[in-house]
Amino acid sequence: MRPVTAPNSGTPRLRKVGLVILVVGFTLAALIYLTGSNPEDFSSDPATARAYKNQSQEIQLNYGHSGLVMNQLADDLKQPATQAILLLIISTVSACACFYLARFPKRHSD
C-alpha cells in the first residue's frame, strides 16, 4: 500500500513556528545589541595592561595555547555584539530547519 498524506499534516504549523523563531530571534538580537553594555576596557592603563599580560602568560603556562584561546573566547562572549550575532545564527538555523521540515508532508500508513 502507498502511504497517504494526511489532510492536516502540520506543515503550516511548522512554517508559523519557524517564522516566530526568526522574528523573536532578530528582535532579541537587536535588543541585546542596542541595550548591552561593553565590559570596561582598562587596556590603556599601564598597570592593568601589565596585569592582563601577566594573566595571559600564566594561563598559557598552566593550560597551554588552548587555554589561552578558551580565555580569549570567554572574553569575546561577554561582548553584546558577539552575543547578538550568535543569537542571529542560532535563530536563523532553527527557522531554516522548520521551513525545511515543513516542505515534507506528514505520511500516515493505514
C-alpha atoms as a PDB file:
ATOM      1  CA  MET A   1       0.000   0.000   0.000  1.00  0.00           C
ATOM      2  CA  ARG A   2       1.079   3.522  -0.751  1.00  0.00           C
ATOM      3  CA  PRO A   3       1.440   5.958   2.146  1.00  0.00           C
ATOM      4  CA  VAL A   4      -1.261   8.595   2.110  1.00  0.00           C
ATOM      5  CA  THR A   5      -0.648  12.180   3.079  1.00  0.00           C
ATOM      6  CA  ALA A   6      -2.730  13.377   5.964  1.00  0.00           C
ATOM      7  CA  PRO A   7      -5.084  16.288   5.326  1.00  0.00           C
ATOM      8  CA  ASN A   8      -3.805  18.148   8.375  1.00  0.00           C
ATOM      9  CA  SER A   9      -0.111  17.440   8.047  1.00  0.00           C
ATOM     10  CA  GLY A  10       1.261  20.122  10.383  1.00  0.00           C
ATOM     11  CA  THR A  11       3.311  21.889   7.719  1.00  0.00           C
ATOM     12  CA  PRO A  12       1.562  25.259   8.202  1.00  0.00           C
ATOM     13  CA  ARG A  13       2.270  24.954  11.924  1.00  0.00           C
ATOM     14  CA  LEU A  14       5.967  24.345  11.263  1.00  0.00           C
ATOM     15  CA  ARG A  15       6.098  27.378   8.986  1.00  0.00           C
ATOM     16  CA  LYS A  16       4.496  29.520  11.690  1.00  0.00           C
ATOM     17  CA  VAL A  17       6.921  28.193  14.299  1.00  0.00           C
ATOM     18  CA  GLY A  18       9.846  28.972  12.001  1.00  0.00           C
ATOM     19  CA  LEU A  19       8.563  32.480  11.407  1.00  0.00           C
ATOM     20  CA  VAL A  20       8.077  33.082  15.136  1.00  0.00           C
ATOM     21  CA  ILE A  21      11.591  31.808  15.883  1.00  0.00           C
ATOM     22  CA  LEU A  22      13.009  34.101  13.220  1.00  0.00           C
ATOM     23  CA  VAL A  23      11.139  37.211  14.382  1.00  0.00           C
ATOM     24  CA  VAL A  24      11.818  36.623  18.086  1.00  0.00           C
ATOM     25  CA  GLY A  25      15.487  35.857  17.412  1.00  0.00           C
ATOM     26  CA  PHE A  26      16.015  39.010  15.360  1.00  0.00           C
ATOM     27  CA  THR A  27      14.144  41.132  17.920  1.00  0.00           C
ATOM     28  CA  LEU A  28      16.112  39.772  20.866  1.00  0.00           C
ATOM     29  CA  ALA A  29      19.397  40.145  18.985  1.00  0.00           C
ATOM     30  CA  ALA A  30      18.594  43.790  18.250  1.00  0.00           C
ATOM     31  CA  LEU A  31      17.665  44.412  21.892  1.00  0.00           C
ATOM     32  CA  ILE A  32      20.835  42.756  23.154  1.00  0.00           C
ATOM     33  CA  TYR A  33      22.970  44.712  20.710  1.00  0.00           C
ATOM     34  CA  LEU A  34      21.332  48.079  21.414  1.00  0.00           C
ATOM     35  CA  THR A  35      20.946  47.824  25.182  1.00  0.00           C
ATOM     36  CA  GLY A  36      24.013  45.742  26.031  1.00  0.00           C
ATOM     37  CA  SER A  37      26.974  47.441  27.610  1.00  0.00           C
ATOM     38  CA  ASN A  38      30.516  46.518  26.717  1.00  0.00           C
ATOM     39  CA  PRO A  39      32.735  45.390  29.563  1.00  0.00           C
ATOM     40  CA  GLU A  40      35.106  48.096  30.677  1.00  0.00           C
ATOM     41  CA  ASP A  41      38.395  48.191  28.815  1.00  0.00           C
ATOM     42  CA  PHE A  42      41.326  49.018  31.040  1.00  0.00           C
ATOM     43  CA  SER A  43      43.967  48.255  28.418  1.00  0.00           C
ATOM     44  CA  SER A  44      45.027  51.911  28.191  1.00  0.00           C
ATOM     45  CA  ASP A  45      46.050  51.895  31.861  1.00  0.00           C
ATOM     46  CA  PRO A  46      49.668  50.639  32.106  1.00  0.00           C
ATOM     47  CA  ALA A  47      49.112  48.844  35.426  1.00  0.00           C
ATOM     48  CA  THR A  48      46.139  46.830  34.185  1.00  0.00           C
ATOM     49  CA  ALA A  49      47.778  46.188  30.816  1.00  0.00           C
ATOM     50  CA  ARG A  50      50.712  44.647  32.677  1.00  0.00           C
ATOM     51  CA  ALA A  51      48.295  42.590  34.823  1.00  0.00           C
ATOM     52  CA  TYR A  52      46.465  41.338  31.695  1.00  0.00           C
ATOM     53  CA  LYS A  53      49.790  40.369  30.141  1.00  0.00           C
ATOM     54  CA  ASN A  54      50.849  38.507  33.300  1.00  0.00           C
ATOM     55  CA  GLN A  55      47.462  36.780  33.462  1.00  0.00           C
ATOM     56  CA  SER A  56      47.637  35.642  29.837  1.00  0.00           C
ATOM     57  CA  GLN A  57      51.198  34.390  30.323  1.00  0.00           C
ATOM     58  CA  GLU A  58      50.114  32.461  33.420  1.00  0.00           C
ATOM     59  CA  ILE A  59      47.154  30.917  31.601  1.00  0.00           C
ATOM     60  CA  GLN A  60      49.362  29.915  28.682  1.00  0.00           C
ATOM     61  CA  LEU A  61      51.964  28.452  31.039  1.00  0.00           C
ATOM     62  CA  ASN A  62      49.393  26.416  33.017  1.00  0.00           C
ATOM     63  CA  TYR A  63      46.956  25.408  30.263  1.00  0.00           C
ATOM     64  CA  GLY A  64      48.919  25.835  27.045  1.00  0.00           C
ATOM     65  CA  HIS A  65      47.792  27.551  23.879  1.00  0.00           C
ATOM     66  CA  SER A  66      44.310  26.013  24.029  1.00  0.00           C
ATOM     67  CA  GLY A  67      43.742  27.534  27.479  1.00  0.00           C
ATOM     68  CA  LEU A  68      44.699  30.948  26.145  1.00  0.00           C
ATOM     69  CA  VAL A  69      42.332  30.556  23.197  1.00  0.00           C
ATOM     70  CA  MET A  70      39.500  29.491  25.531  1.00  0.00           C
ATOM     71  CA  ASN A  71      40.152  32.504  27.775  1.00  0.00           C
ATOM     72  CA  GLN A  72      40.009  34.850  24.789  1.00  0.00           C
ATOM     73  CA  LEU A  73      36.810  33.150  23.607  1.00  0.00           C
ATOM     74  CA  ALA A  74      35.235  33.626  27.039  1.00  0.00           C
ATOM     75  CA  ASP A  75      36.196  37.309  26.943  1.00  0.00           C
ATOM     76  CA  ASP A  76      34.724  37.686  23.455  1.00  0.00           C
ATOM     77  CA  LEU A  77      31.445  36.074  24.530  1.00  0.00           C
ATOM     78  CA  LYS A  78      30.956  38.904  27.030  1.00  0.00           C
ATOM     79  CA  GLN A  79      30.560  41.388  24.174  1.00  0.00           C
ATOM     80  CA  PRO A  80      26.934  42.242  23.260  1.00  0.00           C
ATOM     81  CA  ALA A  81      27.740  42.243  19.541  1.00  0.00           C
ATOM     82  CA  THR A  82      29.045  38.674  19.755  1.00  0.00           C
ATOM     83  CA  GLN A  83      26.001  37.586  21.738  1.00  0.00           C
ATOM     84  CA  ALA A  84      23.673  39.198  19.182  1.00  0.00           C
ATOM     85  CA  ILE A  85      25.458  37.529  16.255  1.00  0.00           C
ATOM     86  CA  LEU A  86      25.287  34.113  17.932  1.00  0.00           C
ATOM     87  CA  LEU A  87      21.571  34.584  18.617  1.00  0.00           C
ATOM     88  CA  LEU A  88      21.001  35.555  14.975  1.00  0.00           C
ATOM     89  CA  ILE A  89      22.851  32.484  13.742  1.00  0.00           C
ATOM     90  CA  ILE A  90      21.035  30.091  16.087  1.00  0.00           C
ATOM     91  CA  SER A  91      17.581  31.516  15.338  1.00  0.00           C
ATOM     92  CA  THR A  92      18.218  31.543  11.581  1.00  0.00           C
ATOM     93  CA  VAL A  93      19.403  27.924  11.567  1.00  0.00           C
ATOM     94  CA  SER A  94      16.433  26.853  13.713  1.00  0.00           C
ATOM     95  CA  ALA A  95      13.939  28.684  11.500  1.00  0.00           C
ATOM     96  CA  CYS A  96      15.513  27.227   8.353  1.00  0.00           C
ATOM     97  CA  ALA A  97      15.201  23.747   9.863  1.00  0.00           C
ATOM     98  CA  CYS A  98      11.490  24.376  10.493  1.00  0.00           C
ATOM     99  CA  PHE A  99      10.983  25.668   6.948  1.00  0.00           C
ATOM    100  CA  TYR A 100      12.868  22.700   5.535  1.00  0.00           C
ATOM    101  CA  LEU A 101      10.861  20.173   7.531  1.00  0.00           C
ATOM    102  CA  ALA A 102       7.627  21.920   6.552  1.00  0.00           C
ATOM    103  CA  ARG A 103       8.318  21.045   2.913  1.00  0.00           C
ATOM    104  CA  PHE A 104       7.729  17.359   3.531  1.00  0.00           C
ATOM    105  CA  PRO A 105       4.155  16.232   4.070  1.00  0.00           C
ATOM    106  CA  LYS A 106       3.465  14.013   7.036  1.00  0.00           C
ATOM    107  CA  ARG A 107       2.703  10.480   5.887  1.00  0.00           C
ATOM    108  CA  HIS A 108       0.342   8.049   7.534  1.00  0.00           C
ATOM    109  CA  SER A 109       0.134   4.411   6.593  1.00  0.00           C
ATOM    110  CA  ASP A 110      -3.079   2.506   7.115  1.00  0.00           C
END
